[in-house]
Protein backbone atom coordinates (compact mmCIF):
# COMPACT_ATOMS: atom_id res chain seq x y z
CA MET A 1 122.51 118.89 110.02
CA LYS A 2 120.17 118.67 107.05
CA ILE A 3 117.30 116.26 107.78
CA LEU A 4 114.87 114.96 105.17
CA VAL A 5 111.67 113.34 106.44
CA LEU A 6 109.67 111.21 104.02
CA ASN A 7 106.22 111.17 105.60
CA GLY A 8 104.48 108.06 104.28
CA SER A 9 101.14 108.63 105.97
CA PRO A 10 98.14 109.55 103.79
CA LYS A 11 97.05 111.71 106.76
CA LYS A 12 100.10 113.92 106.10
CA GLU A 13 100.70 116.33 109.01
CA LYS A 14 97.87 114.68 111.02
CA SER A 15 99.72 111.36 110.99
CA ASP A 16 99.88 109.51 114.31
CA THR A 17 103.48 108.57 113.53
CA MET A 18 104.50 112.17 112.82
CA HIS A 19 103.91 112.93 116.52
CA ILE A 20 106.75 110.50 117.21
CA THR A 21 108.93 111.93 114.44
CA ASN A 22 108.38 115.53 115.52
CA ALA A 23 109.29 114.68 119.11
CA PHE A 24 112.47 112.96 117.93
CA ILE A 25 113.48 115.99 115.85
CA ASP A 26 112.67 118.32 118.76
CA GLY A 27 115.15 116.31 120.81
CA MET A 28 117.79 116.60 118.10
CA ASN A 29 117.21 120.35 117.95
CA GLU A 30 118.02 120.65 121.66
CA ARG A 31 121.65 119.97 120.81
CA ALA A 32 121.77 122.13 117.67
CA LYS A 33 119.16 123.58 115.34
CA ASN A 34 118.72 121.39 112.28
CA ASP A 35 117.52 122.19 108.77
CA VAL A 36 114.44 119.96 108.43
CA LYS A 37 112.43 119.33 105.27
CA VAL A 38 109.30 117.15 105.30
CA ILE A 39 107.97 115.61 102.09
CA CYS A 40 104.53 114.00 102.21
CA ALA A 41 104.62 111.06 99.83
CA VAL A 42 100.91 111.30 99.05
CA ASP A 43 101.38 114.84 97.69
CA LYS A 44 103.95 113.79 95.09
CA ASN A 45 103.53 112.49 91.55
CA ILE A 46 105.58 109.31 91.68
CA LYS A 47 105.18 106.77 88.91
CA HIS A 48 105.79 103.12 89.67
CA CYS A 49 109.23 101.68 88.94
CA ASN A 50 109.27 99.73 85.66
CA GLY A 51 112.17 97.55 86.71
CA CYS A 52 113.92 98.43 83.44
CA PHE A 53 117.20 99.32 85.24
CA THR A 54 117.92 102.10 82.75
CA CYS A 55 118.87 104.40 85.64
CA MET A 56 121.46 101.91 86.85
CA HIS A 57 123.28 101.96 83.51
CA ASN A 58 123.18 105.63 82.52
CA GLY A 59 124.35 107.51 85.62
CA GLY A 60 121.03 107.66 87.43
CA ILE A 61 118.61 109.12 84.87
CA CYS A 62 115.16 107.55 85.17
CA VAL A 63 112.86 107.02 82.17
CA HIS A 64 110.02 108.63 84.13
CA THR A 65 109.53 112.40 84.31
CA ASP A 66 107.85 113.12 87.64
CA ASP A 67 108.64 114.41 91.15
CA MET A 68 111.20 111.72 91.94
CA LYS A 69 114.20 113.66 90.63
CA GLU A 70 113.47 116.44 93.14
CA ILE A 71 113.28 113.87 95.95
CA LEU A 72 116.52 112.18 94.90
CA ASP A 73 118.25 115.56 94.84
CA GLU A 74 117.01 116.23 98.39
CA ILE A 75 118.21 112.81 99.56
CA ILE A 76 121.70 113.38 98.15
CA LYS A 77 121.92 116.79 99.86
CA SER A 78 120.78 115.46 103.25
CA ASP A 79 122.72 114.18 106.25
CA LEU A 80 119.85 112.18 107.76
CA LEU A 81 116.95 110.51 105.96
CA ILE A 82 113.96 109.62 108.15
CA LEU A 83 111.27 107.29 106.84
CA SER A 84 108.21 108.11 108.96
CA PHE A 85 105.17 105.94 108.33
CA PRO A 86 102.29 104.03 109.90
CA LEU A 87 102.29 100.27 109.48
CA TYR A 88 100.09 99.22 106.56
CA CYS A 89 99.62 95.45 106.08
CA TYR A 90 102.92 94.92 107.93
CA GLY A 91 104.81 97.24 105.61
CA MET A 92 104.89 100.86 104.46
CA PRO A 93 101.98 102.68 102.78
CA ALA A 94 101.92 102.50 98.97
CA PRO A 95 102.88 106.17 98.28
CA LEU A 96 106.07 105.78 100.32
CA LYS A 97 106.82 102.35 98.86
CA ALA A 98 106.66 103.91 95.39
CA ILE A 99 109.35 106.40 96.44
CA VAL A 100 111.54 103.72 98.02
CA ASP A 101 111.30 101.63 94.84
CA ARG A 102 112.49 104.62 92.84
CA ILE A 103 115.74 105.20 94.77
CA LEU A 104 117.41 102.77 92.34
CA PRO A 105 119.15 105.65 90.48
CA LEU A 106 121.41 106.04 93.53
CA THR A 107 122.88 102.61 92.76
CA SER A 108 124.46 100.90 89.75
CA MET A 109 124.24 97.39 88.30
CA GLN A 110 127.70 96.73 89.72
CA MET A 111 127.50 94.30 92.65
CA GLU A 112 129.72 93.84 95.67
CA LYS A 113 129.84 91.32 98.49
CA THR A 114 129.37 92.58 102.03
CA ALA A 115 130.93 91.36 105.27
CA ASP A 116 127.79 89.37 106.05
CA GLU A 117 128.08 87.39 102.79
CA ARG A 118 125.27 89.11 100.87
CA TYR A 119 125.48 91.03 97.61
CA VAL A 120 124.37 94.62 97.18
CA HIS A 121 124.41 97.10 94.31
CA SER A 122 127.29 99.58 94.43
CA ALA A 123 126.49 103.27 94.81
CA GLN A 124 126.67 105.57 91.81
CA ALA A 125 125.84 108.68 93.87
CA ASP A 126 127.85 109.85 96.85
CA VAL A 127 125.65 109.25 99.88
CA SER A 128 128.51 108.14 102.13
CA ARG A 129 127.66 110.72 104.82
CA LEU A 130 123.94 109.95 104.79
CA LYS A 131 122.45 108.31 107.88
CA PHE A 132 119.09 106.59 107.99
CA MET A 133 116.24 106.23 110.45
CA MET A 134 112.90 104.44 110.39
CA ILE A 135 110.10 105.68 112.66
CA CYS A 136 106.94 103.60 112.53
CA GLY A 137 103.75 103.44 114.56
CA CYS A 138 101.00 100.85 114.50
CA GLY A 139 97.49 100.55 115.89
CA PHE A 140 97.95 97.17 117.55
CA PRO A 141 98.37 96.85 121.35
CA ASN A 142 101.92 95.50 121.18
CA SER A 143 104.83 94.92 118.81
CA LYS A 144 104.59 91.14 118.61
CA GLN A 145 104.54 89.83 115.03
CA ASN A 146 103.74 93.29 113.64
CA PHE A 147 106.79 95.35 112.71
CA GLU A 148 109.13 92.53 111.66
CA PRO A 149 108.62 92.68 107.84
CA ALA A 150 109.05 96.48 107.69
CA VAL A 151 112.06 96.35 110.02
CA LEU A 152 113.78 93.65 107.97
CA GLN A 153 113.25 95.50 104.69
CA PHE A 154 114.63 98.70 106.21
CA LYS A 155 117.69 96.91 107.61
CA LEU A 156 118.46 95.31 104.25
CA MET A 157 118.03 98.55 102.32
CA PHE A 158 119.58 100.99 104.79
CA SER A 159 122.37 99.18 106.59
CA GLY A 160 123.23 100.66 109.98
CA GLY A 161 120.07 102.74 110.24
CA LYS A 162 118.26 103.23 113.54
CA ILE A 163 114.69 102.10 114.14
CA ILE A 164 111.90 103.30 116.44
CA THR A 165 108.63 101.34 116.45
CA VAL A 166 105.71 102.28 118.68
CA PRO A 167 102.46 100.32 119.21
CA GLU A 168 99.17 101.97 120.21
CA SER A 169 100.20 105.03 118.17
CA PRO A 170 96.63 106.26 117.40
CA MET A 171 96.61 107.53 121.00
CA PHE A 172 98.97 110.33 119.95
CA ASN A 173 96.02 111.93 118.14
CA ALA A 174 93.62 111.42 121.08
CA PRO A 175 93.50 114.45 123.43
CA GLU A 176 92.04 112.30 126.22
CA ALA A 177 95.20 110.13 126.17
CA ILE A 178 97.59 113.02 126.86
CA SER A 179 98.46 111.73 130.33
CA VAL A 180 100.13 108.67 128.80
CA THR A 181 101.26 110.07 125.44
CA GLN A 182 103.13 113.06 126.85
CA PRO A 183 105.55 110.92 128.92
CA ARG A 184 106.16 108.72 125.87
CA LEU A 185 106.89 111.72 123.65
CA ALA A 186 109.30 112.95 126.34
CA LEU A 187 111.20 109.65 126.06
CA ILE A 188 111.27 109.98 122.27
CA LYS A 189 112.56 113.54 122.58
CA ARG A 190 115.31 112.22 124.85
CA ALA A 191 116.16 109.66 122.17
CA GLY A 192 116.47 112.46 119.62
CA LEU A 193 118.93 114.31 121.84
CA GLU A 194 120.88 111.09 122.43
CA TYR A 195 121.02 110.43 118.70
CA ALA A 196 122.19 113.99 117.97
CA GLU A 197 125.04 113.55 120.43
CA SER A 198 126.20 110.05 119.43
CA PHE A 199 124.24 108.88 116.35
CA ASP A 200 122.99 106.08 118.56
CA ILE A 201 120.12 105.33 120.94
CA SER A 202 120.58 103.15 124.01
CA GLU A 203 118.80 99.79 123.98
CA SER A 204 117.24 100.50 127.37
CA LEU A 205 115.66 103.73 126.09
CA LEU A 206 114.46 102.06 122.88
CA SER A 207 112.88 99.30 124.94
CA GLU A 208 110.89 101.88 126.93
CA ILE A 209 109.83 103.77 123.81
CA CYS A 210 108.74 100.66 121.92
CA SER A 211 106.62 99.21 124.73
CA PRO A 212 102.81 99.63 125.03
CA MET A 213 101.74 102.89 126.68
CA ILE A 214 98.75 101.33 128.46
CA PRO A 215 97.96 97.67 129.22
CA GLU A 216 97.32 95.74 126.00
CA GLU A 217 93.88 94.47 127.06
CA VAL A 218 92.75 97.97 128.05
CA TYR A 219 93.82 99.41 124.69
CA ALA A 220 92.15 96.57 122.77
CA ASP A 221 88.91 97.10 124.71
CA ILE A 222 88.95 100.85 123.97
CA VAL A 223 89.44 100.22 120.25
CA ASN A 224 86.83 97.47 120.09
CA ASN A 225 84.21 99.46 121.99
CA SER A 226 84.81 102.57 119.87
CA ARG A 227 83.68 100.61 116.80
CA LYS A 228 80.29 99.66 118.28
C-alpha cells in the first residue's frame, strides 16, 4: 500500500503527533511493508487559494505555480492519505490548512446530492481507491470540547475516513513519561495492524487510545507548574 502522510506540525519530525502516526504505521507494517512518504507542510511553498475556481473548470490546473501540483500528484498515486497534525485553535495548523484548501483541483463545479441529503462537488480526478485518516494530538488533559471542529471538518471533507485523537500528546516527547506513553503507543500500533487487516478500528480500541494517559488533574498540574 502506498501511504502519504501530510505532517501539519511546524515541528516537523519532532512533532508530538508524529509519534502517534509513526506507531500507527508501524502497526500497519506488521501485516505488510508499506511504501510511506511523509510531506512536512511547513517545508512546502503553498500559496493561499484564491477561490477563483479556475481549477474546477479546466481539468484541475491551478493558477498558482508552487509545490501543490507535486502534492496533488502524490495524493492521486496514494492508497491512504493520513493528515497528521497537532490541534491549533481547535483546527489544523495554517501550513496544512493551506494544502487542504488547495485540493480543489481534485473536484469539479458539478454538484451531486449524497445519501445524507447534502451536496458535494463531483470528482474530476480518480481517487476512488483512496482512503483517509486523521491523526491529531492536543495538549489539553482530555478530549472534551477540543477536537470537535477539526473532526467535523475532516468528516465532511473525507467521508468514511478514520479518526484518532489523543489528549496529553506532549508527553510523547517527554522521556520521563515513557512508562505511560509506551503502553499507549502499543495500543496505537495495534490499531494500525487492525486497520491494515480490515480498514477499520474497533470502537473499544479507539476509546482506549483517545482517553487521557494520566489523570487529568495530574497532567494539568504538571503543565501549570512547568510554566512557573
